[in-house]
Amino acid sequence: MASKKSRKVHVTFGDSKRIMSYEKGTKVQELRSLFLSVFSDVLEDDISPANVKFQVLDKTFGDYVDLGNDQHLEENAQIKAITVGTKEKQVSYLAITLGEKLDLIRDECCVNVIQI
């Protein structure tokens, strides 16, 4: 039985750039767990494979485009990894942000009232 050939992909996540090796024929969906392992030192502890999204550099357009789960990567592709927060995290972030903005608005209103 012939072994599958190993391939490499250049991955950017935030300020971190690393080379990941994977087996030829691996689908994008299967790279999620590998990504979590390779970038574990710069990721939050509660990121799951379902929260990882990849984009590949489209040289024709000079921009990154989303990769579907069933797609295969070309050898030496340049991809960008993005982590997507859970709904609970997003709601929590929005609540904190909204709370901060409301405090700022309240403070500005008070300043304007005092200045009048």
C-alpha atoms as a PDB file:
ATOM      1  CA  MET A   1       0.000   0.000   0.000  1.00  0.00           C
ATOM      2  CA  ALA A   2       1.455   3.358  -1.024  1.00  0.00           C
ATOM      3  CA  SER A   3       1.782   5.996   1.664  1.00  0.00           C
ATOM      4  CA  LYS A   4       0.260   9.395   1.123  1.00  0.00           C
ATOM      5  CA  LYS A   5       2.661  12.204   0.288  1.00  0.00           C
ATOM      6  CA  SER A   6       3.168  14.909   2.906  1.00  0.00           C
ATOM      7  CA  ARG A   7       2.382  18.489   1.891  1.00  0.00           C
ATOM      8  CA  LYS A   8       2.975  21.853   3.499  1.00  0.00           C
ATOM      9  CA  VAL A   9       0.845  24.957   3.922  1.00  0.00           C
ATOM     10  CA  HIS A  10       1.863  28.413   5.171  1.00  0.00           C
ATOM     11  CA  VAL A  11      -0.594  29.507   7.878  1.00  0.00           C
ATOM     12  CA  THR A  12      -1.040  33.005   9.304  1.00  0.00           C
ATOM     13  CA  PHE A  13      -2.991  33.543  12.510  1.00  0.00           C
ATOM     14  CA  GLY A  14      -2.836  37.091  13.837  1.00  0.00           C
ATOM     15  CA  ASP A  15       0.869  37.929  14.141  1.00  0.00           C
ATOM     16  CA  SER A  16       1.936  34.257  14.103  1.00  0.00           C
ATOM     17  CA  LYS A  17       3.081  32.528  10.931  1.00  0.00           C
ATOM     18  CA  ARG A  18       3.830  28.818  10.790  1.00  0.00           C
ATOM     19  CA  ILE A  19       4.267  25.968   8.335  1.00  0.00           C
ATOM     20  CA  MET A  20       1.910  23.030   8.841  1.00  0.00           C
ATOM     21  CA  SER A  21       2.450  19.629   7.230  1.00  0.00           C
ATOM     22  CA  TYR A  22      -0.495  17.485   6.204  1.00  0.00           C
ATOM     23  CA  GLU A  23      -1.168  14.423   4.085  1.00  0.00           C
ATOM     24  CA  LYS A  24      -2.124  14.826   0.427  1.00  0.00           C
ATOM     25  CA  GLY A  25      -5.888  14.450   0.088  1.00  0.00           C
ATOM     26  CA  THR A  26      -6.639  16.050   3.460  1.00  0.00           C
ATOM     27  CA  LYS A  27      -9.743  18.221   3.388  1.00  0.00           C
ATOM     28  CA  VAL A  28      -9.861  21.700   4.928  1.00  0.00           C
ATOM     29  CA  GLN A  29     -12.176  20.457   7.681  1.00  0.00           C
ATOM     30  CA  GLU A  30      -9.498  17.990   8.814  1.00  0.00           C
ATOM     31  CA  LEU A  31      -6.912  20.794   9.147  1.00  0.00           C
ATOM     32  CA  ARG A  32      -8.832  22.422  11.999  1.00  0.00           C
ATOM     33  CA  SER A  33      -7.578  20.026  14.689  1.00  0.00           C
ATOM     34  CA  LEU A  34      -4.032  20.237  13.336  1.00  0.00           C
ATOM     35  CA  PHE A  35      -4.248  24.041  13.465  1.00  0.00           C
ATOM     36  CA  LEU A  36      -5.370  23.924  17.116  1.00  0.00           C
ATOM     37  CA  SER A  37      -2.378  21.753  17.960  1.00  0.00           C
ATOM     38  CA  VAL A  38       0.221  23.771  16.030  1.00  0.00           C
ATOM     39  CA  PHE A  39      -1.026  27.158  17.310  1.00  0.00           C
ATOM     40  CA  SER A  40      -1.983  26.028  20.839  1.00  0.00           C
ATOM     41  CA  ASP A  41       0.483  28.459  22.448  1.00  0.00           C
ATOM     42  CA  VAL A  42      -1.297  31.505  20.972  1.00  0.00           C
ATOM     43  CA  LEU A  43      -4.924  30.342  21.143  1.00  0.00           C
ATOM     44  CA  GLU A  44      -7.477  30.654  23.894  1.00  0.00           C
ATOM     45  CA  ASP A  45      -8.094  27.364  25.719  1.00  0.00           C
ATOM     46  CA  ASP A  46     -11.765  27.080  24.789  1.00  0.00           C
ATOM     47  CA  ILE A  47     -11.460  27.258  20.982  1.00  0.00           C
ATOM     48  CA  SER A  48     -12.940  24.186  19.311  1.00  0.00           C
ATOM     49  CA  PRO A  49     -12.360  22.954  15.746  1.00  0.00           C
ATOM     50  CA  ALA A  50     -15.841  24.193  14.809  1.00  0.00           C
ATOM     51  CA  ASN A  51     -14.713  27.752  15.627  1.00  0.00           C
ATOM     52  CA  VAL A  52     -11.838  27.741  13.117  1.00  0.00           C
ATOM     53  CA  LYS A  53     -12.295  29.126   9.623  1.00  0.00           C
ATOM     54  CA  PHE A  54      -9.685  29.214   6.855  1.00  0.00           C
ATOM     55  CA  GLN A  55      -9.159  31.569   3.932  1.00  0.00           C
ATOM     56  CA  VAL A  56      -6.715  31.016   1.068  1.00  0.00           C
ATOM     57  CA  LEU A  57      -4.799  33.661  -0.853  1.00  0.00           C
ATOM     58  CA  ASP A  58      -6.315  33.950  -4.311  1.00  0.00           C
ATOM     59  CA  LYS A  59      -3.399  35.175  -6.416  1.00  0.00           C
ATOM     60  CA  THR A  60      -5.717  36.254  -9.244  1.00  0.00           C
ATOM     61  CA  PHE A  61      -7.475  38.788  -7.020  1.00  0.00           C
ATOM     62  CA  GLY A  62      -4.685  39.388  -4.501  1.00  0.00           C
ATOM     63  CA  ASP A  63      -7.018  38.764  -1.578  1.00  0.00           C
ATOM     64  CA  TYR A  64      -8.050  35.962   0.765  1.00  0.00           C
ATOM     65  CA  VAL A  65     -11.217  33.979   0.055  1.00  0.00           C
ATOM     66  CA  ASP A  66     -13.106  31.521   2.264  1.00  0.00           C
ATOM     67  CA  LEU A  67     -12.279  27.832   2.000  1.00  0.00           C
ATOM     68  CA  GLY A  68     -15.088  25.296   2.107  1.00  0.00           C
ATOM     69  CA  ASN A  69     -14.814  22.298   4.432  1.00  0.00           C
ATOM     70  CA  ASP A  70     -14.623  19.791   1.558  1.00  0.00           C
ATOM     71  CA  GLN A  71     -11.974  21.653  -0.435  1.00  0.00           C
ATOM     72  CA  HIS A  72      -8.396  20.431  -0.790  1.00  0.00           C
ATOM     73  CA  LEU A  73      -5.358  22.709  -0.569  1.00  0.00           C
ATOM     74  CA  GLU A  74      -2.634  23.096  -3.142  1.00  0.00           C
ATOM     75  CA  GLU A  75       0.948  22.413  -2.101  1.00  0.00           C
ATOM     76  CA  ASN A  76       2.538  25.458  -0.410  1.00  0.00           C
ATOM     77  CA  ALA A  77      -0.734  27.389  -0.289  1.00  0.00           C
ATOM     78  CA  GLN A  78      -0.879  30.528   1.835  1.00  0.00           C
ATOM     79  CA  ILE A  79      -3.855  30.449   4.179  1.00  0.00           C
ATOM     80  CA  LYS A  80      -5.175  32.608   6.962  1.00  0.00           C
ATOM     81  CA  ALA A  81      -6.826  31.093  10.024  1.00  0.00           C
ATOM     82  CA  ILE A  82      -9.640  32.920  11.764  1.00  0.00           C
ATOM     83  CA  THR A  83     -11.264  31.901  15.009  1.00  0.00           C
ATOM     84  CA  VAL A  84     -14.941  32.610  15.323  1.00  0.00           C
ATOM     85  CA  GLY A  85     -16.292  33.112  18.835  1.00  0.00           C
ATOM     86  CA  THR A  86     -19.246  31.200  20.166  1.00  0.00           C
ATOM     87  CA  LYS A  87     -22.600  32.953  20.397  1.00  0.00           C
ATOM     88  CA  GLU A  88     -22.195  33.175  24.176  1.00  0.00           C
ATOM     89  CA  LYS A  89     -18.857  34.971  23.788  1.00  0.00           C
ATOM     90  CA  GLN A  90     -20.262  37.302  21.151  1.00  0.00           C
ATOM     91  CA  VAL A  91     -23.275  38.178  23.316  1.00  0.00           C
ATOM     92  CA  SER A  92     -21.010  38.732  26.321  1.00  0.00           C
ATOM     93  CA  TYR A  93     -18.690  40.950  24.268  1.00  0.00           C
ATOM     94  CA  LEU A  94     -21.620  42.943  22.910  1.00  0.00           C
ATOM     95  CA  ALA A  95     -23.068  43.383  26.402  1.00  0.00           C
ATOM     96  CA  ILE A  96     -19.738  44.646  27.744  1.00  0.00           C
ATOM     97  CA  THR A  97     -19.234  46.947  24.746  1.00  0.00           C
ATOM     98  CA  LEU A  98     -22.796  48.250  24.971  1.00  0.00           C
ATOM     99  CA  GLY A  99     -22.410  48.784  28.720  1.00  0.00           C
ATOM    100  CA  GLU A 100     -19.205  50.770  28.178  1.00  0.00           C
ATOM    101  CA  LYS A 101     -20.867  52.901  25.499  1.00  0.00           C
ATOM    102  CA  LEU A 102     -23.866  53.566  27.730  1.00  0.00           C
ATOM    103  CA  ASP A 103     -21.521  54.647  30.537  1.00  0.00           C
ATOM    104  CA  LEU A 104     -19.718  56.951  28.109  1.00  0.00           C
ATOM    105  CA  ILE A 105     -23.006  58.453  26.863  1.00  0.00           C
ATOM    106  CA  ARG A 106     -24.211  58.938  30.436  1.00  0.00           C
ATOM    107  CA  ASP A 107     -20.934  60.634  31.366  1.00  0.00           C
ATOM    108  CA  GLU A 108     -21.117  62.920  28.320  1.00  0.00           C
ATOM    109  CA  CYS A 109     -24.726  63.835  29.131  1.00  0.00           C
ATOM    110  CA  CYS A 110     -23.773  64.702  32.673  1.00  0.00           C
ATOM    111  CA  VAL A 111     -20.862  66.835  31.472  1.00  0.00           C
ATOM    112  CA  ASN A 112     -23.138  68.676  29.040  1.00  0.00           C
ATOM    113  CA  VAL A 113     -25.731  69.284  31.732  1.00  0.00           C
ATOM    114  CA  ILE A 114     -23.115  70.627  34.121  1.00  0.00           C
ATOM    115  CA  GLN A 115     -21.659  72.906  31.411  1.00  0.00           C
ATOM    116  CA  ILE A 116     -25.042  74.497  30.670  1.00  0.00           C
END
